[in-house]
Amino acid sequence: MRIRGLSIFAAAAIAGAALARAPSAGAETTLGFVTNWAKTVYSPARTLQWMEAFNASPEAAAAGIRISYVGGPETTPALEQLTAVRNGVFDLMFGAAGYYVGQVPEAFALYGTRITPTAARANGGIDLLAEIYREKSNTHVLGWVAAGIGYHAWLKEKPRLRKDGTPDLGGLKIRSSPLYRGWLKSMGATQVMVPAPGIYTAMERGTVDGAAWPGLGVTDFGWEKFVEYRIDPPVWQFDNLLWINLDRWNGLTDAQRDALTASVIGFERDAYDYYAALAAAERKKTLAAGVQPFALQGAAAKTHIRRAEALQWAQIAAKKSAYYDRLREKFPPTE
């Protein structure tokens, strides 16, 4: 059903955002907040904990600012949310920069580096991201709040190795998505595009021999029942950012911007440690379930990481980004 050209979900999202923008009796500024994923998923759940802590902080109270959660992809599909924030439908958003590389291909740099958010904050990398998103999407990057967790090939059988010691997945059918295409192709895999909820069935039926997936969520979906090996070391890292509509950001007071920025900087540090601990717990669970780490050795391990990162930088270069050199300086690839 549609209402004057808008779906019910879009209409509800706009109505929710409008309510979030409405000033309270005390003229408090409220920011409407949306997430790429449902609030029950671990990363939005952790981010909403930050939101609640911010709302309860004396700094937010003194500045007269709070955040109100509008919803997840049930309000606006995840791939459309950056456009919604750019257009002012929502004020604030948490999600994956990789979803929007069509608008901002420079986000590939987050996958092409091992730098931490704290280091990127210190060297001006976060400021550079903010500059790029201001230009290309009418948004301001508040912070890089989920990073450090890499991606693996999770396999039913022990992988073969090439002469250089890197994985040879030739002849194997591996679950893929657009993010993994170049990487899996470089390892010779036959790719099967399967959405995350369908991976269990694909493994159960033998449609795939494994899956490309990060170091979190495997036991949530139950894939450890089928997987025997995880290729180490991981490549890339999470790319989750917090954005705010640029016009909304510019309309805040200095005190409000300061309170929000300081809170996000603290969240960057806390979240990095949180996800590291979560990934360590996931490794223990998968190991207990019989999933063995297949660790590449010596130079092969470095080559595996470098090749994966080079694929991401090649995509920025292909777009002839004017920011390429500055990005390489602030988000250096693995040496």
Protein backbone atom coordinates (compact mmCIF):
# COMPACT_ATOMS: atom_id res chain seq x y z
CA MET A 1 0.00 0.00 0.00
CA ARG A 2 1.23 3.50 -0.82
CA ILE A 3 0.22 6.94 0.45
CA ARG A 4 0.58 9.75 -2.09
CA GLY A 5 3.61 8.11 -3.69
CA LEU A 6 5.20 6.96 -0.44
CA SER A 7 5.21 3.46 0.98
CA ILE A 8 3.73 3.03 4.46
CA PHE A 9 7.25 2.35 5.76
CA ALA A 10 8.63 5.56 4.24
CA ALA A 11 5.67 7.57 5.50
CA ALA A 12 6.13 6.12 8.98
CA ALA A 13 9.83 6.90 8.89
CA ILE A 14 9.20 10.52 7.93
CA ALA A 15 6.53 10.86 10.60
CA GLY A 16 8.87 9.35 13.19
CA ALA A 17 11.68 11.66 12.20
CA ALA A 18 9.35 14.65 12.36
CA LEU A 19 8.32 13.70 15.88
CA ALA A 20 11.98 13.31 16.85
CA ARG A 21 12.68 16.81 15.56
CA ALA A 22 9.82 18.40 17.47
CA PRO A 23 11.18 20.52 20.33
CA SER A 24 10.18 19.67 23.86
CA ALA A 25 8.78 22.11 26.34
CA GLY A 26 12.31 22.91 27.41
CA ALA A 27 13.41 23.52 23.80
CA GLU A 28 15.67 20.49 23.94
CA THR A 29 17.11 19.42 20.58
CA THR A 30 16.23 15.83 19.67
CA LEU A 31 17.98 13.93 16.89
CA GLY A 32 16.08 11.16 15.09
CA PHE A 33 18.33 8.09 14.81
CA VAL A 34 18.15 5.17 12.35
CA THR A 35 20.30 2.03 12.00
CA ASN A 36 21.13 -0.24 9.05
CA TRP A 37 20.14 -3.32 11.01
CA ALA A 38 17.49 -4.25 13.55
CA LYS A 39 18.16 -3.22 17.13
CA THR A 40 18.50 -6.86 18.20
CA VAL A 41 21.66 -7.34 16.09
CA TYR A 42 24.82 -7.01 18.18
CA SER A 43 26.21 -3.85 16.56
CA PRO A 44 23.03 -1.71 16.65
CA ALA A 45 22.34 -3.09 20.14
CA ARG A 46 25.73 -1.87 21.34
CA THR A 47 25.26 1.48 19.57
CA LEU A 48 21.88 1.98 21.21
CA GLN A 49 23.55 1.39 24.57
CA TRP A 50 25.86 4.28 23.69
CA MET A 51 22.82 6.38 22.74
CA GLU A 52 21.19 5.71 26.11
CA ALA A 53 24.41 6.57 27.95
CA PHE A 54 24.70 9.80 25.98
CA ASN A 55 21.10 10.77 26.73
CA ALA A 56 21.71 10.16 30.45
CA SER A 57 24.97 12.12 30.55
CA PRO A 58 25.25 15.49 32.30
CA GLU A 59 27.01 16.87 29.21
CA ALA A 60 24.02 16.15 26.99
CA ALA A 61 21.64 17.57 29.57
CA ALA A 62 23.69 20.74 29.94
CA ALA A 63 23.83 21.19 26.16
CA GLY A 64 20.12 20.48 25.72
CA ILE A 65 20.45 17.59 23.27
CA ARG A 66 19.24 14.01 23.12
CA ILE A 67 18.89 11.19 20.57
CA SER A 68 15.65 9.35 19.81
CA TYR A 69 15.73 5.96 18.06
CA VAL A 70 13.39 5.91 15.07
CA GLY A 71 14.09 2.37 13.86
CA GLY A 72 16.09 0.09 11.61
CA PRO A 73 15.55 -1.19 8.06
CA GLU A 74 11.84 -1.59 8.75
CA THR A 75 11.60 2.21 8.47
CA THR A 76 13.75 2.67 5.37
CA PRO A 77 15.78 -0.08 3.64
CA ALA A 78 19.41 -0.03 4.72
CA LEU A 79 20.75 0.73 1.24
CA GLU A 80 18.56 3.85 1.10
CA GLN A 81 19.33 5.23 4.54
CA LEU A 82 22.31 7.43 3.64
CA THR A 83 20.16 9.14 1.02
CA ALA A 84 17.43 9.59 3.64
CA VAL A 85 19.90 11.21 6.04
CA ARG A 86 21.32 13.35 3.25
CA ASN A 87 17.80 14.59 2.51
CA GLY A 88 16.99 15.23 6.16
CA VAL A 89 14.45 12.43 6.66
CA PHE A 90 16.59 11.27 9.59
CA ASP A 91 19.18 13.22 11.55
CA LEU A 92 21.57 10.49 12.65
CA MET A 93 22.51 7.07 11.27
CA PHE A 94 24.64 4.06 12.22
CA GLY A 95 25.63 1.64 9.49
CA ALA A 96 28.13 0.21 7.03
CA ALA A 97 30.06 2.61 4.85
CA GLY A 98 30.42 -0.23 2.35
CA TYR A 99 26.70 -0.08 1.59
CA TYR A 100 27.17 3.33 0.02
CA VAL A 101 30.35 3.02 -2.03
CA GLY A 102 28.29 3.89 -5.10
CA GLN A 103 27.93 7.38 -3.63
CA VAL A 104 31.22 7.52 -1.74
CA PRO A 105 33.76 5.03 -3.15
CA GLU A 106 36.41 6.44 -0.83
CA ALA A 107 34.86 4.28 1.91
CA PHE A 108 36.78 1.33 0.42
CA ALA A 109 39.78 2.77 2.30
CA LEU A 110 38.34 1.50 5.59
CA TYR A 111 38.73 -2.06 4.28
CA GLY A 112 42.19 -1.39 2.89
CA THR A 113 43.90 -0.65 6.20
CA ARG A 114 44.59 -2.13 9.63
CA ILE A 115 44.68 1.26 11.37
CA THR A 116 42.49 1.67 14.44
CA PRO A 117 39.79 4.35 14.76
CA THR A 118 41.78 5.98 17.58
CA ALA A 119 44.86 6.24 15.35
CA ALA A 120 42.76 7.51 12.45
CA ARG A 121 41.27 10.09 14.76
CA ALA A 122 44.74 11.21 15.87
CA ASN A 123 46.24 11.44 12.37
CA GLY A 124 43.32 13.32 10.82
CA GLY A 125 41.78 10.36 9.02
CA ILE A 126 38.35 10.80 10.61
CA ASP A 127 38.44 14.48 9.68
CA LEU A 128 39.22 13.49 6.09
CA LEU A 129 36.27 11.10 6.03
CA ALA A 130 34.07 13.90 7.35
CA GLU A 131 35.31 16.20 4.58
CA ILE A 132 34.54 13.61 1.90
CA TYR A 133 31.05 12.81 3.17
CA ARG A 134 30.23 16.50 3.56
CA GLU A 135 31.04 16.98 -0.11
CA LYS A 136 29.40 13.84 -1.47
CA SER A 137 26.43 13.11 0.75
CA ASN A 138 25.54 16.22 2.77
CA THR A 139 26.47 14.37 5.95
CA HIS A 140 29.08 14.76 8.66
CA VAL A 141 30.97 11.72 9.97
CA LEU A 142 30.83 11.72 13.76
CA GLY A 143 32.97 8.63 14.17
CA TRP A 144 34.15 5.17 13.11
CA VAL A 145 32.51 3.09 15.80
CA ALA A 146 32.95 -0.54 14.74
CA ALA A 147 36.34 -1.65 13.43
CA GLY A 148 39.09 -4.18 13.96
CA ILE A 149 37.06 -7.32 13.18
CA GLY A 150 38.32 -8.97 10.01
CA TYR A 151 36.84 -11.31 7.41
CA HIS A 152 37.56 -14.99 6.74
CA ALA A 153 36.76 -17.79 4.37
CA TRP A 154 34.87 -20.40 6.44
CA LEU A 155 35.17 -23.81 4.79
CA LYS A 156 33.75 -27.32 5.09
CA GLU A 157 37.05 -28.88 4.02
CA LYS A 158 40.73 -28.12 4.50
CA PRO A 159 41.84 -25.70 1.77
CA ARG A 160 44.58 -26.29 -0.76
CA LEU A 161 47.52 -23.92 -1.03
CA ARG A 162 49.19 -22.32 -4.03
CA LYS A 163 52.94 -22.42 -4.50
CA ASP A 164 53.24 -19.10 -2.67
CA GLY A 165 51.38 -20.52 0.35
CA THR A 166 48.15 -18.56 -0.18
CA PRO A 167 44.71 -20.25 -0.37
CA ASP A 168 43.56 -21.96 -3.54
CA LEU A 169 39.76 -22.19 -3.52
CA GLY A 170 39.50 -23.39 -7.12
CA GLY A 171 36.66 -25.86 -7.54
CA LEU A 172 34.92 -24.75 -4.33
CA LYS A 173 31.51 -23.07 -4.27
CA ILE A 174 31.70 -20.26 -1.72
CA ARG A 175 28.86 -18.09 -0.49
CA SER A 176 29.51 -14.54 -1.57
CA SER A 177 28.06 -11.03 -1.69
CA PRO A 178 29.18 -7.93 -3.62
CA LEU A 179 31.80 -7.12 -0.97
CA TYR A 180 33.62 -10.42 -1.49
CA ARG A 181 33.53 -10.76 -5.28
CA GLY A 182 37.04 -9.60 -6.09
CA TRP A 183 38.58 -11.35 -3.10
CA LEU A 184 37.00 -14.75 -3.74
CA LYS A 185 37.73 -14.46 -7.46
CA SER A 186 41.41 -13.85 -6.64
CA MET A 187 41.43 -17.17 -4.74
CA GLY A 188 39.75 -19.04 -7.62
CA ALA A 189 36.41 -19.75 -5.90
CA THR A 190 33.13 -20.27 -7.69
CA GLN A 191 30.83 -17.73 -6.10
CA VAL A 192 27.23 -18.30 -5.06
CA MET A 193 25.31 -15.20 -4.05
CA VAL A 194 23.30 -16.05 -0.95
CA PRO A 195 21.81 -13.59 1.60
CA ALA A 196 22.90 -14.20 5.18
CA PRO A 197 19.63 -15.83 6.33
CA GLY A 198 19.98 -18.43 3.56
CA ILE A 199 23.55 -19.54 4.29
CA TYR A 200 22.55 -22.26 6.78
CA THR A 201 20.27 -23.95 4.24
CA ALA A 202 22.85 -23.54 1.46
CA MET A 203 25.47 -25.31 3.60
CA GLU A 204 23.02 -27.97 4.76
CA ARG A 205 22.03 -28.82 1.18
CA GLY A 206 25.58 -28.70 -0.16
CA THR A 207 24.84 -25.71 -2.37
CA VAL A 208 28.02 -24.12 -1.03
CA ASP A 209 31.28 -25.48 0.34
CA GLY A 210 31.81 -22.53 2.64
CA ALA A 211 31.16 -18.83 3.12
CA ALA A 212 32.99 -15.52 3.19
CA TRP A 213 32.03 -13.88 6.47
CA PRO A 214 33.57 -11.80 9.28
CA GLY A 215 34.75 -13.12 12.62
CA LEU A 216 31.39 -12.56 14.32
CA GLY A 217 27.94 -14.05 13.88
CA VAL A 218 28.82 -17.58 12.80
CA THR A 219 27.42 -19.20 15.94
CA ASP A 220 24.40 -16.89 15.88
CA PHE A 221 23.41 -18.47 12.56
CA GLY A 222 24.53 -21.99 13.51
CA TRP A 223 26.96 -22.47 10.61
CA GLU A 224 29.59 -24.02 12.91
CA LYS A 225 27.59 -27.23 12.46
CA PHE A 226 28.93 -27.48 8.89
CA VAL A 227 32.21 -25.54 8.92
CA GLU A 228 35.50 -27.31 9.65
CA TYR A 229 38.10 -24.61 8.91
CA ARG A 230 38.52 -20.84 9.14
CA ILE A 231 41.32 -19.29 7.08
CA ASP A 232 43.58 -17.01 9.11
CA PRO A 233 44.69 -14.27 9.22
CA PRO A 234 41.53 -12.26 8.61
CA VAL A 235 41.52 -9.49 6.01
CA TRP A 236 39.97 -6.01 6.07
CA GLN A 237 37.91 -4.80 9.03
CA PHE A 238 34.49 -3.49 9.96
CA ASP A 239 33.49 -0.16 8.41
CA ASN A 240 30.64 1.02 10.65
CA LEU A 241 30.25 4.79 10.94
CA LEU A 242 27.99 7.27 12.67
CA TRP A 243 26.72 10.01 10.35
CA ILE A 244 24.63 13.11 10.96
CA ASN A 245 22.82 15.25 8.40
CA LEU A 246 25.12 18.18 7.64
CA ASP A 247 22.45 20.86 7.86
CA ARG A 248 21.33 19.47 11.20
CA TRP A 249 24.96 19.37 12.39
CA ASN A 250 25.54 22.98 11.35
CA GLY A 251 22.36 23.99 13.14
CA LEU A 252 23.49 22.65 16.51
CA THR A 253 25.06 24.92 19.09
CA ASP A 254 28.79 24.67 19.82
CA ALA A 255 27.98 23.03 23.15
CA GLN A 256 25.77 20.43 21.46
CA ARG A 257 28.39 19.61 18.82
CA ASP A 258 31.08 19.37 21.50
CA ALA A 259 28.99 17.05 23.68
CA LEU A 260 28.15 14.76 20.76
CA THR A 261 31.72 14.66 19.41
CA ALA A 262 33.30 13.95 22.80
CA SER A 263 30.84 11.13 23.45
CA VAL A 264 31.47 9.52 20.05
CA ILE A 265 35.26 9.70 20.53
CA GLY A 266 34.87 7.81 23.79
CA PHE A 267 32.55 5.35 22.07
CA GLU A 268 35.15 4.70 19.34
CA ARG A 269 37.65 3.52 21.96
CA ASP A 270 35.13 1.49 23.97
CA ALA A 271 33.55 -0.12 20.92
CA TYR A 272 36.91 -1.24 19.53
CA ASP A 273 37.63 -3.13 22.75
CA TYR A 274 34.06 -4.42 22.91
CA TYR A 275 34.17 -5.97 19.44
CA ALA A 276 37.63 -7.43 20.05
CA ALA A 277 36.29 -9.20 23.15
CA LEU A 278 33.19 -10.34 21.25
CA ALA A 279 35.33 -11.78 18.46
CA ALA A 280 37.57 -13.57 20.97
CA ALA A 281 34.50 -15.17 22.52
CA GLU A 282 33.27 -16.17 19.06
CA ARG A 283 36.61 -17.85 18.32
CA LYS A 284 36.29 -19.89 21.49
CA LYS A 285 32.77 -20.95 20.55
CA THR A 286 33.72 -21.99 17.03
CA LEU A 287 36.83 -23.81 18.27
CA ALA A 288 34.72 -25.70 20.81
CA ALA A 289 32.35 -26.62 17.98
CA GLY A 290 35.24 -28.13 16.01
CA VAL A 291 36.15 -25.28 13.66
CA GLN A 292 39.93 -25.32 13.24
CA PRO A 293 41.97 -22.22 12.38
CA PHE A 294 43.89 -22.78 9.15
CA ALA A 295 46.72 -20.31 9.67
CA LEU A 296 48.75 -19.15 6.68
CA GLN A 297 52.45 -19.02 7.40
CA GLY A 298 55.10 -16.31 7.19
CA ALA A 299 55.19 -14.32 3.95
CA ALA A 300 52.02 -16.04 2.71
CA ALA A 301 50.01 -14.53 5.54
CA LYS A 302 51.20 -11.02 4.66
CA THR A 303 50.60 -11.63 0.96
CA HIS A 304 47.05 -12.78 1.73
CA ILE A 305 46.30 -9.54 3.59
CA ARG A 306 48.05 -7.26 1.09
CA ARG A 307 46.25 -8.73 -1.90
CA ALA A 308 42.87 -8.31 -0.24
CA GLU A 309 43.62 -4.70 0.69
CA ALA A 310 44.98 -3.92 -2.79
CA LEU A 311 41.62 -4.92 -4.26
CA GLN A 312 39.93 -2.20 -2.23
CA TRP A 313 42.43 0.49 -3.14
CA ALA A 314 42.09 -0.46 -6.80
CA GLN A 315 38.39 0.35 -6.61
CA ILE A 316 39.12 3.85 -5.31
CA ALA A 317 41.75 4.34 -8.01
CA ALA A 318 39.32 3.17 -10.69
CA LYS A 319 36.96 5.99 -9.68
CA LYS A 320 39.84 8.48 -10.10
CA SER A 321 39.16 9.88 -6.64
CA ALA A 322 40.84 13.20 -5.93
CA TYR A 323 41.25 11.98 -2.34
CA TYR A 324 43.25 8.83 -3.18
CA ASP A 325 46.69 10.02 -2.03
CA ARG A 326 45.38 11.63 1.14
CA LEU A 327 43.43 8.50 1.99
CA ARG A 328 46.52 6.32 1.55
CA GLU A 329 48.36 8.60 3.96
CA LYS A 330 45.67 8.54 6.64
CA PHE A 331 44.54 4.93 6.17
CA PRO A 332 47.80 3.20 5.21
CA PRO A 333 47.60 -0.32 3.81
CA THR A 334 49.52 -3.15 5.46
CA GLU A 335 53.24 -3.03 4.71
